[in-house]
């Protein structure tokens, strides 16, 4: 098993770690923010989708940064 980890794969952990470090450095000056993680599997008429809409509307104030990635629900409501 150890033999399988030799080479480029052993450095993979450092590449992943550097991505985390770069990400944290990029967002360190943002200030108060709301980040939404979700699923693309619920349709607009689903109960959970509707509850998420309510929660997002309540949590996203004028002075908060919206970090939504590609979540349709956040992008539609936040911007």
C-alpha atoms as a PDB file:
ATOM      1  CA  UNK A   1       0.000   0.000   0.000  1.00  0.00           C
ATOM      2  CA  UNK A   2       2.794   2.439   0.854  1.00  0.00           C
ATOM      3  CA  UNK A   3       4.375   1.750  -2.528  1.00  0.00           C
ATOM      4  CA  UNK A   4       1.161   2.997  -4.172  1.00  0.00           C
ATOM      5  CA  UNK A   5       1.543   6.415  -2.513  1.00  0.00           C
ATOM      6  CA  UNK A   6       4.910   7.274  -4.009  1.00  0.00           C
ATOM      7  CA  UNK A   7       5.332   9.964  -6.618  1.00  0.00           C
ATOM      8  CA  UNK A   8       2.954  12.768  -7.477  1.00  0.00           C
ATOM      9  CA  UNK A   9       0.161  11.478  -5.252  1.00  0.00           C
ATOM     10  CA  UNK A  10       2.172  12.129  -2.097  1.00  0.00           C
ATOM     11  CA  UNK A  11       2.279  15.824  -2.973  1.00  0.00           C
ATOM     12  CA  UNK A  12      -1.472  15.977  -3.535  1.00  0.00           C
ATOM     13  CA  UNK A  13      -2.140  16.764   0.133  1.00  0.00           C
ATOM     14  CA  UNK A  14       0.038  19.872  -0.148  1.00  0.00           C
ATOM     15  CA  UNK A  15      -1.782  21.060  -3.263  1.00  0.00           C
ATOM     16  CA  UNK A  16      -5.122  20.635  -1.481  1.00  0.00           C
ATOM     17  CA  UNK A  17      -3.804  22.430   1.594  1.00  0.00           C
ATOM     18  CA  UNK A  18      -2.522  25.320  -0.527  1.00  0.00           C
ATOM     19  CA  UNK A  19      -5.990  25.722  -2.054  1.00  0.00           C
ATOM     20  CA  UNK A  20      -7.483  26.059   1.436  1.00  0.00           C
ATOM     21  CA  UNK A  21      -4.838  28.609   2.443  1.00  0.00           C
ATOM     22  CA  UNK A  22      -5.370  30.650  -0.726  1.00  0.00           C
ATOM     23  CA  UNK A  23      -9.132  30.560  -0.231  1.00  0.00           C
ATOM     24  CA  UNK A  24      -8.936  31.758   3.358  1.00  0.00           C
ATOM     25  CA  UNK A  25      -6.539  34.535   2.383  1.00  0.00           C
ATOM     26  CA  UNK A  26      -8.931  35.696  -0.341  1.00  0.00           C
ATOM     27  CA  UNK A  27     -11.956  35.898   1.970  1.00  0.00           C
ATOM     28  CA  UNK A  28     -10.202  37.156   5.113  1.00  0.00           C
ATOM     29  CA  UNK A  29     -11.162  40.791   4.458  1.00  0.00           C
ATOM     30  CA  UNK A  30     -14.780  40.224   3.452  1.00  0.00           C
ATOM     31  CA  UNK A  31     -16.352  40.808   6.874  1.00  0.00           C
ATOM     32  CA  UNK A  32     -19.858  39.620   7.765  1.00  0.00           C
ATOM     33  CA  UNK A  33     -21.069  37.178   5.128  1.00  0.00           C
ATOM     34  CA  UNK A  34     -23.733  34.580   4.502  1.00  0.00           C
ATOM     35  CA  UNK A  35     -22.772  31.366   2.730  1.00  0.00           C
ATOM     36  CA  UNK A  36     -25.416  28.951   1.509  1.00  0.00           C
ATOM     37  CA  UNK A  37     -24.744  25.320   0.694  1.00  0.00           C
ATOM     38  CA  UNK A  38     -27.522  23.289  -0.814  1.00  0.00           C
ATOM     39  CA  UNK A  39     -28.714  20.799  -3.331  1.00  0.00           C
ATOM     40  CA  UNK A  40     -29.927  21.142  -6.891  1.00  0.00           C
ATOM     41  CA  UNK A  41     -32.329  18.262  -6.412  1.00  0.00           C
ATOM     42  CA  UNK A  42     -35.274  20.186  -4.976  1.00  0.00           C
ATOM     43  CA  UNK A  43     -37.697  21.974  -7.252  1.00  0.00           C
ATOM     44  CA  UNK A  44     -39.107  25.452  -6.557  1.00  0.00           C
ATOM     45  CA  UNK A  45     -42.391  24.034  -5.268  1.00  0.00           C
ATOM     46  CA  UNK A  46     -40.736  21.691  -2.742  1.00  0.00           C
ATOM     47  CA  UNK A  47     -41.237  22.474   0.953  1.00  0.00           C
ATOM     48  CA  UNK A  48     -37.489  22.543   1.656  1.00  0.00           C
ATOM     49  CA  UNK A  49     -36.882  24.929  -1.240  1.00  0.00           C
ATOM     50  CA  UNK A  50     -39.545  27.296   0.089  1.00  0.00           C
ATOM     51  CA  UNK A  51     -38.091  27.114   3.610  1.00  0.00           C
ATOM     52  CA  UNK A  52     -34.649  27.868   2.220  1.00  0.00           C
ATOM     53  CA  UNK A  53     -36.051  30.939   0.453  1.00  0.00           C
ATOM     54  CA  UNK A  54     -37.502  32.196   3.755  1.00  0.00           C
ATOM     55  CA  UNK A  55     -34.259  31.553   5.627  1.00  0.00           C
ATOM     56  CA  UNK A  56     -32.147  33.281   2.987  1.00  0.00           C
ATOM     57  CA  UNK A  57     -34.387  36.353   2.905  1.00  0.00           C
ATOM     58  CA  UNK A  58     -34.163  36.670   6.702  1.00  0.00           C
ATOM     59  CA  UNK A  59     -30.405  36.134   6.928  1.00  0.00           C
ATOM     60  CA  UNK A  60     -29.185  38.333   4.093  1.00  0.00           C
ATOM     61  CA  UNK A  61     -29.011  41.893   5.309  1.00  0.00           C
ATOM     62  CA  UNK A  62     -27.830  44.912   3.372  1.00  0.00           C
ATOM     63  CA  UNK A  63     -24.389  44.931   4.994  1.00  0.00           C
ATOM     64  CA  UNK A  64     -23.599  41.255   4.462  1.00  0.00           C
ATOM     65  CA  UNK A  65     -21.641  39.737   1.646  1.00  0.00           C
ATOM     66  CA  UNK A  66     -23.374  36.933  -0.207  1.00  0.00           C
ATOM     67  CA  UNK A  67     -21.193  33.934  -0.975  1.00  0.00           C
ATOM     68  CA  UNK A  68     -23.397  31.720  -3.072  1.00  0.00           C
ATOM     69  CA  UNK A  69     -21.307  29.907  -5.633  1.00  0.00           C
ATOM     70  CA  UNK A  70     -23.648  28.378  -8.175  1.00  0.00           C
ATOM     71  CA  UNK A  71     -26.683  27.768  -5.988  1.00  0.00           C
ATOM     72  CA  UNK A  72     -29.636  28.969  -8.061  1.00  0.00           C
ATOM     73  CA  UNK A  73     -31.770  29.823  -5.053  1.00  0.00           C
ATOM     74  CA  UNK A  74     -29.162  32.177  -3.573  1.00  0.00           C
ATOM     75  CA  UNK A  75     -28.227  33.794  -6.825  1.00  0.00           C
ATOM     76  CA  UNK A  76     -31.858  34.549  -7.625  1.00  0.00           C
ATOM     77  CA  UNK A  77     -32.627  35.988  -4.190  1.00  0.00           C
ATOM     78  CA  UNK A  78     -29.401  37.691  -3.232  1.00  0.00           C
ATOM     79  CA  UNK A  79     -28.634  39.719  -6.287  1.00  0.00           C
END
